[in-house]
Amino acid sequence: MTNEELRARWHQLRGLAREFWGELTGDDVNFIGGQRELLVGKLEEKYGMSREEAEKQVEEFFNSVAGPEA
């Protein structure tokens, strides 16, 4: 999923993101606004994970909602 696709679909994906990462608040998903880098940073902050792990989880999330071809 490209950054443009993410931004375009973020309104639809926000609830799924909150289910996938239970620590994200409504304010967090509003702040992220469909920006991949902000999502990665928020995961690092909320979960104390490395950047690599956060990026891996974001990729897994995208694959789960859009399929691996997206």
PDB file of N, CA and C in Angstrom:
ATOM      1  N   MET A   1       0.853  -1.171   0.000  1.00  0.00           N
ATOM      2  CA  MET A   1       0.000   0.000   0.000  1.00  0.00           C
ATOM      3  C   MET A   1       0.897   1.232   0.000  1.00  0.00           C
ATOM      4  N   THR A   2       0.696   2.084  -0.962  1.00  0.00           N
ATOM      5  CA  THR A   2       1.509   3.287  -1.048  1.00  0.00           C
ATOM      6  C   THR A   2       1.062   4.309  -0.010  1.00  0.00           C
ATOM      7  N   ASN A   3       1.897   5.307   0.215  1.00  0.00           N
ATOM      8  CA  ASN A   3       1.538   6.369   1.153  1.00  0.00           C
ATOM      9  C   ASN A   3       0.263   7.082   0.723  1.00  0.00           C
ATOM     10  N   GLU A   4       0.091   7.278  -0.592  1.00  0.00           N
ATOM     11  CA  GLU A   4      -1.097   7.958  -1.096  1.00  0.00           C
ATOM     12  C   GLU A   4      -2.353   7.131  -0.832  1.00  0.00           C
ATOM     13  N   GLU A   5      -2.251   5.810  -1.044  1.00  0.00           N
ATOM     14  CA  GLU A   5      -3.385   4.922  -0.779  1.00  0.00           C
ATOM     15  C   GLU A   5      -3.722   4.910   0.712  1.00  0.00           C
ATOM     16  N   LEU A   6      -2.690   4.891   1.527  1.00  0.00           N
ATOM     17  CA  LEU A   6      -2.908   4.904   2.965  1.00  0.00           C
ATOM     18  C   LEU A   6      -3.640   6.173   3.382  1.00  0.00           C
ATOM     19  N   ARG A   7      -3.186   7.307   2.919  1.00  0.00           N
ATOM     20  CA  ARG A   7      -3.849   8.566   3.272  1.00  0.00           C
ATOM     21  C   ARG A   7      -5.291   8.575   2.801  1.00  0.00           C
ATOM     22  N   ALA A   8      -5.521   8.076   1.603  1.00  0.00           N
ATOM     23  CA  ALA A   8      -6.869   8.071   1.035  1.00  0.00           C
ATOM     24  C   ALA A   8      -7.808   7.144   1.813  1.00  0.00           C
ATOM     25  N   ARG A   9      -7.281   6.047   2.328  1.00  0.00           N
ATOM     26  CA  ARG A   9      -8.113   5.051   3.019  1.00  0.00           C
ATOM     27  C   ARG A   9      -8.060   5.151   4.534  1.00  0.00           C
ATOM     28  N   TRP A  10      -7.302   6.098   5.068  1.00  0.00           N
ATOM     29  CA  TRP A  10      -7.082   6.132   6.511  1.00  0.00           C
ATOM     30  C   TRP A  10      -8.391   6.224   7.288  1.00  0.00           C
ATOM     31  N   HIS A  11      -9.343   6.973   6.798  1.00  0.00           N
ATOM     32  CA  HIS A  11     -10.613   7.112   7.509  1.00  0.00           C
ATOM     33  C   HIS A  11     -11.258   5.737   7.702  1.00  0.00           C
ATOM     34  N   GLN A  12     -11.149   4.871   6.699  1.00  0.00           N
ATOM     35  CA  GLN A  12     -11.695   3.520   6.788  1.00  0.00           C
ATOM     36  C   GLN A  12     -10.833   2.618   7.671  1.00  0.00           C
ATOM     37  N   LEU A  13      -9.537   2.830   7.672  1.00  0.00           N
ATOM     38  CA  LEU A  13      -8.610   1.934   8.348  1.00  0.00           C
ATOM     39  C   LEU A  13      -8.367   2.265   9.813  1.00  0.00           C
ATOM     40  N   ARG A  14      -8.760   3.440  10.244  1.00  0.00           N
ATOM     41  CA  ARG A  14      -8.441   3.864  11.610  1.00  0.00           C
ATOM     42  C   ARG A  14      -8.982   2.921  12.668  1.00  0.00           C
ATOM     43  N   GLY A  15     -10.211   2.467  12.513  1.00  0.00           N
ATOM     44  CA  GLY A  15     -10.781   1.537  13.480  1.00  0.00           C
ATOM     45  C   GLY A  15     -10.035   0.213  13.497  1.00  0.00           C
ATOM     46  N   LEU A  16      -9.654  -0.259  12.316  1.00  0.00           N
ATOM     47  CA  LEU A  16      -8.886  -1.495  12.230  1.00  0.00           C
ATOM     48  C   LEU A  16      -7.516  -1.332  12.875  1.00  0.00           C
ATOM     49  N   ALA A  17      -6.914  -0.167  12.700  1.00  0.00           N
ATOM     50  CA  ALA A  17      -5.611   0.092  13.316  1.00  0.00           C
ATOM     51  C   ALA A  17      -5.731   0.069  14.839  1.00  0.00           C
ATOM     52  N   ARG A  18      -6.821   0.629  15.356  1.00  0.00           N
ATOM     53  CA  ARG A  18      -7.015   0.625  16.816  1.00  0.00           C
ATOM     54  C   ARG A  18      -7.255  -0.783  17.335  1.00  0.00           C
ATOM     55  N   GLU A  19      -7.893  -1.643  16.524  1.00  0.00           N
ATOM     56  CA  GLU A  19      -8.069  -3.036  16.926  1.00  0.00           C
ATOM     57  C   GLU A  19      -6.735  -3.778  16.889  1.00  0.00           C
ATOM     58  N   PHE A  20      -5.955  -3.527  15.853  1.00  0.00           N
ATOM     59  CA  PHE A  20      -4.670  -4.192  15.655  1.00  0.00           C
ATOM     60  C   PHE A  20      -3.693  -3.796  16.756  1.00  0.00           C
ATOM     61  N   TRP A  21      -3.676  -2.516  17.105  1.00  0.00           N
ATOM     62  CA  TRP A  21      -2.805  -1.985  18.162  1.00  0.00           C
ATOM     63  C   TRP A  21      -3.694  -1.337  19.213  1.00  0.00           C
ATOM     64  N   GLY A  22      -4.042  -2.075  20.226  1.00  0.00           N
ATOM     65  CA  GLY A  22      -4.980  -1.627  21.242  1.00  0.00           C
ATOM     66  C   GLY A  22      -4.545  -0.411  22.039  1.00  0.00           C
ATOM     67  N   GLU A  23      -3.264  -0.109  22.041  1.00  0.00           N
ATOM     68  CA  GLU A  23      -2.766   1.045  22.795  1.00  0.00           C
ATOM     69  C   GLU A  23      -2.998   2.374  22.061  1.00  0.00           C
ATOM     70  N   LEU A  24      -3.322   2.323  20.780  1.00  0.00           N
ATOM     71  CA  LEU A  24      -3.561   3.562  20.041  1.00  0.00           C
ATOM     72  C   LEU A  24      -4.901   4.159  20.458  1.00  0.00           C
ATOM     73  N   THR A  25      -4.895   5.441  20.719  1.00  0.00           N
ATOM     74  CA  THR A  25      -6.125   6.145  21.087  1.00  0.00           C
ATOM     75  C   THR A  25      -6.718   6.809  19.857  1.00  0.00           C
ATOM     76  N   GLY A  26      -7.924   7.318  20.012  1.00  0.00           N
ATOM     77  CA  GLY A  26      -8.548   8.081  18.940  1.00  0.00           C
ATOM     78  C   GLY A  26      -7.705   9.292  18.566  1.00  0.00           C
ATOM     79  N   ASP A  27      -7.126   9.946  19.560  1.00  0.00           N
ATOM     80  CA  ASP A  27      -6.254  11.083  19.287  1.00  0.00           C
ATOM     81  C   ASP A  27      -5.022  10.653  18.494  1.00  0.00           C
ATOM     82  N   ASP A  28      -4.490   9.467  18.830  1.00  0.00           N
ATOM     83  CA  ASP A  28      -3.326   8.950  18.099  1.00  0.00           C
ATOM     84  C   ASP A  28      -3.655   8.761  16.624  1.00  0.00           C
ATOM     85  N   VAL A  29      -4.774   8.087  16.337  1.00  0.00           N
ATOM     86  CA  VAL A  29      -5.093   7.823  14.931  1.00  0.00           C
ATOM     87  C   VAL A  29      -5.430   9.110  14.188  1.00  0.00           C
ATOM     88  N   ASN A  30      -6.011  10.085  14.886  1.00  0.00           N
ATOM     89  CA  ASN A  30      -6.242  11.386  14.246  1.00  0.00           C
ATOM     90  C   ASN A  30      -4.921  12.069  13.924  1.00  0.00           C
ATOM     91  N   PHE A  31      -3.970  11.999  14.861  1.00  0.00           N
ATOM     92  CA  PHE A  31      -2.652  12.603  14.661  1.00  0.00           C
ATOM     93  C   PHE A  31      -1.925  11.938  13.493  1.00  0.00           C
ATOM     94  N   ILE A  32      -1.985  10.604  13.417  1.00  0.00           N
ATOM     95  CA  ILE A  32      -1.305   9.851  12.360  1.00  0.00           C
ATOM     96  C   ILE A  32      -1.833  10.257  10.994  1.00  0.00           C
ATOM     97  N   GLY A  33      -3.130  10.394  10.876  1.00  0.00           N
ATOM     98  CA  GLY A  33      -3.745  10.914   9.651  1.00  0.00           C
ATOM     99  C   GLY A  33      -3.346  10.184   8.374  1.00  0.00           C
ATOM    100  N   GLY A  34      -3.031   8.915   8.472  1.00  0.00           N
ATOM    101  CA  GLY A  34      -2.682   8.156   7.279  1.00  0.00           C
ATOM    102  C   GLY A  34      -1.243   8.297   6.832  1.00  0.00           C
ATOM    103  N   GLN A  35      -0.389   8.798   7.692  1.00  0.00           N
ATOM    104  CA  GLN A  35       1.021   8.947   7.348  1.00  0.00           C
ATOM    105  C   GLN A  35       1.813   7.797   7.958  1.00  0.00           C
ATOM    106  N   ARG A  36       2.373   6.991   7.103  1.00  0.00           N
ATOM    107  CA  ARG A  36       3.077   5.778   7.515  1.00  0.00           C
ATOM    108  C   ARG A  36       4.161   6.058   8.564  1.00  0.00           C
ATOM    109  N   GLU A  37       4.973   7.066   8.335  1.00  0.00           N
ATOM    110  CA  GLU A  37       6.060   7.378   9.264  1.00  0.00           C
ATOM    111  C   GLU A  37       5.546   7.759  10.647  1.00  0.00           C
ATOM    112  N   LEU A  38       4.422   8.470  10.690  1.00  0.00           N
ATOM    113  CA  LEU A  38       3.841   8.819  11.985  1.00  0.00           C
ATOM    114  C   LEU A  38       3.307   7.585  12.687  1.00  0.00           C
ATOM    115  N   LEU A  39       2.737   6.651  11.941  1.00  0.00           N
ATOM    116  CA  LEU A  39       2.262   5.399  12.522  1.00  0.00           C
ATOM    117  C   LEU A  39       3.430   4.612  13.104  1.00  0.00           C
ATOM    118  N   VAL A  40       4.504   4.500  12.356  1.00  0.00           N
ATOM    119  CA  VAL A  40       5.692   3.784  12.847  1.00  0.00           C
ATOM    120  C   VAL A  40       6.207   4.453  14.131  1.00  0.00           C
ATOM    121  N   GLY A  41       6.314   5.763  14.114  1.00  0.00           N
ATOM    122  CA  GLY A  41       6.788   6.491  15.298  1.00  0.00           C
ATOM    123  C   GLY A  41       5.886   6.320  16.497  1.00  0.00           C
ATOM    124  N   LYS A  42       4.588   6.324  16.265  1.00  0.00           N
ATOM    125  CA  LYS A  42       3.641   6.159  17.363  1.00  0.00           C
ATOM    126  C   LYS A  42       3.749   4.764  17.970  1.00  0.00           C
ATOM    127  N   LEU A  43       3.988   3.758  17.132  1.00  0.00           N
ATOM    128  CA  LEU A  43       4.161   2.395  17.645  1.00  0.00           C
ATOM    129  C   LEU A  43       5.440   2.284  18.468  1.00  0.00           C
ATOM    130  N   GLU A  44       6.497   2.938  18.012  1.00  0.00           N
ATOM    131  CA  GLU A  44       7.747   2.946  18.778  1.00  0.00           C
ATOM    132  C   GLU A  44       7.501   3.551  20.158  1.00  0.00           C
ATOM    133  N   GLU A  45       6.783   4.666  20.165  1.00  0.00           N
ATOM    134  CA  GLU A  45       6.510   5.393  21.407  1.00  0.00           C
ATOM    135  C   GLU A  45       5.600   4.594  22.346  1.00  0.00           C
ATOM    136  N   LYS A  46       4.485   4.102  21.843  1.00  0.00           N
ATOM    137  CA  LYS A  46       3.479   3.439  22.679  1.00  0.00           C
ATOM    138  C   LYS A  46       3.919   2.068  23.174  1.00  0.00           C
ATOM    139  N   TYR A  47       4.625   1.337  22.331  1.00  0.00           N
ATOM    140  CA  TYR A  47       4.965  -0.041  22.659  1.00  0.00           C
ATOM    141  C   TYR A  47       6.442  -0.242  23.001  1.00  0.00           C
ATOM    142  N   GLY A  48       7.255   0.797  22.854  1.00  0.00           N
ATOM    143  CA  GLY A  48       8.667   0.684  23.160  1.00  0.00           C
ATOM    144  C   GLY A  48       9.402  -0.286  22.246  1.00  0.00           C
ATOM    145  N   MET A  49       8.912  -0.419  21.026  1.00  0.00           N
ATOM    146  CA  MET A  49       9.536  -1.357  20.093  1.00  0.00           C
ATOM    147  C   MET A  49      10.562  -0.638  19.227  1.00  0.00           C
ATOM    148  N   SER A  50      11.423  -1.419  18.617  1.00  0.00           N
ATOM    149  CA  SER A  50      12.414  -0.847  17.713  1.00  0.00           C
ATOM    150  C   SER A  50      11.725  -0.368  16.437  1.00  0.00           C
ATOM    151  N   ARG A  51      12.416   0.491  15.715  1.00  0.00           N
ATOM    152  CA  ARG A  51      11.888   0.987  14.447  1.00  0.00           C
ATOM    153  C   ARG A  51      11.640  -0.167  13.482  1.00  0.00           C
ATOM    154  N   GLU A  52      12.575  -1.119  13.453  1.00  0.00           N
ATOM    155  CA  GLU A  52      12.441  -2.262  12.551  1.00  0.00           C
ATOM    156  C   GLU A  52      11.194  -3.073  12.876  1.00  0.00           C
ATOM    157  N   GLU A  53      10.945  -3.319  14.158  1.00  0.00           N
ATOM    158  CA  GLU A  53       9.759  -4.079  14.570  1.00  0.00           C
ATOM    159  C   GLU A  53       8.486  -3.301  14.232  1.00  0.00           C
ATOM    160  N   ALA A  54       8.497  -1.982  14.474  1.00  0.00           N
ATOM    161  CA  ALA A  54       7.323  -1.163  14.159  1.00  0.00           C
ATOM    162  C   ALA A  54       7.035  -1.208  12.657  1.00  0.00           C
ATOM    163  N   GLU A  55       8.071  -1.082  11.835  1.00  0.00           N
ATOM    164  CA  GLU A  55       7.880  -1.135  10.384  1.00  0.00           C
ATOM    165  C   GLU A  55       7.358  -2.499   9.950  1.00  0.00           C
ATOM    166  N   LYS A  56       7.847  -3.556  10.583  1.00  0.00           N
ATOM    167  CA  LYS A  56       7.378  -4.907  10.267  1.00  0.00           C
ATOM    168  C   LYS A  56       5.895  -5.045  10.601  1.00  0.00           C
ATOM    169  N   GLN A  57       5.486  -4.551  11.753  1.00  0.00           N
ATOM    170  CA  GLN A  57       4.081  -4.642  12.142  1.00  0.00           C
ATOM    171  C   GLN A  57       3.187  -3.815  11.226  1.00  0.00           C
ATOM    172  N   VAL A  58       3.653  -2.649  10.823  1.00  0.00           N
ATOM    173  CA  VAL A  58       2.875  -1.818   9.903  1.00  0.00           C
ATOM    174  C   VAL A  58       2.682  -2.555   8.584  1.00  0.00           C
ATOM    175  N   GLU A  59       3.737  -3.182   8.091  1.00  0.00           N
ATOM    176  CA  GLU A  59       3.640  -3.953   6.846  1.00  0.00           C
ATOM    177  C   GLU A  59       2.656  -5.108   7.008  1.00  0.00           C
ATOM    178  N   GLU A  60       2.711  -5.810   8.134  1.00  0.00           N
ATOM    179  CA  GLU A  60       1.771  -6.901   8.403  1.00  0.00           C
ATOM    180  C   GLU A  60       0.334  -6.387   8.445  1.00  0.00           C
ATOM    181  N   PHE A  61       0.136  -5.230   9.049  1.00  0.00           N
ATOM    182  CA  PHE A  61      -1.195  -4.627   9.101  1.00  0.00           C
ATOM    183  C   PHE A  61      -1.696  -4.335   7.692  1.00  0.00           C
ATOM    184  N   PHE A  62      -0.847  -3.694   6.877  1.00  0.00           N
ATOM    185  CA  PHE A  62      -1.262  -3.377   5.509  1.00  0.00           C
ATOM    186  C   PHE A  62      -1.596  -4.631   4.727  1.00  0.00           C
ATOM    187  N   ASN A  63      -0.782  -5.661   4.885  1.00  0.00           N
ATOM    188  CA  ASN A  63      -1.047  -6.925   4.180  1.00  0.00           C
ATOM    189  C   ASN A  63      -2.352  -7.541   4.640  1.00  0.00           C
ATOM    190  N   SER A  64      -2.676  -7.406   5.911  1.00  0.00           N
ATOM    191  CA  SER A  64      -3.910  -8.004   6.425  1.00  0.00           C
ATOM    192  C   SER A  64      -5.153  -7.277   5.931  1.00  0.00           C
ATOM    193  N   VAL A  65      -5.047  -5.988   5.660  1.00  0.00           N
ATOM    194  CA  VAL A  65      -6.226  -5.234   5.216  1.00  0.00           C
ATOM    195  C   VAL A  65      -6.294  -5.069   3.704  1.00  0.00           C
ATOM    196  N   ALA A  66      -5.156  -5.208   3.022  1.00  0.00           N
ATOM    197  CA  ALA A  66      -5.158  -4.959   1.582  1.00  0.00           C
ATOM    198  C   ALA A  66      -4.644  -6.136   0.765  1.00  0.00           C
ATOM    199  N   GLY A  67      -4.060  -7.115   1.405  1.00  0.00           N
ATOM    200  CA  GLY A  67      -3.471  -8.225   0.681  1.00  0.00           C
ATOM    201  C   GLY A  67      -2.030  -7.906   0.312  1.00  0.00           C
ATOM    202  N   PRO A  68      -1.207  -8.915   0.124  1.00  0.00           N
ATOM    203  CA  PRO A  68       0.228  -8.702  -0.121  1.00  0.00           C
ATOM    204  C   PRO A  68       0.531  -8.017  -1.444  1.00  0.00           C
ATOM    205  N   GLU A  69      -0.404  -8.022  -2.385  1.00  0.00           N
ATOM    206  CA  GLU A  69      -0.133  -7.374  -3.667  1.00  0.00           C
ATOM    207  C   GLU A  69      -0.283  -5.875  -3.613  1.00  0.00           C
ATOM    208  N   ALA A  70      -0.861  -5.339  -2.525  1.00  0.00           N
ATOM    209  CA  ALA A  70      -1.087  -3.893  -2.429  1.00  0.00           C
ATOM    210  C   ALA A  70       0.170  -3.163  -2.030  1.00  0.00           C
TER     211      ALA A  70
END
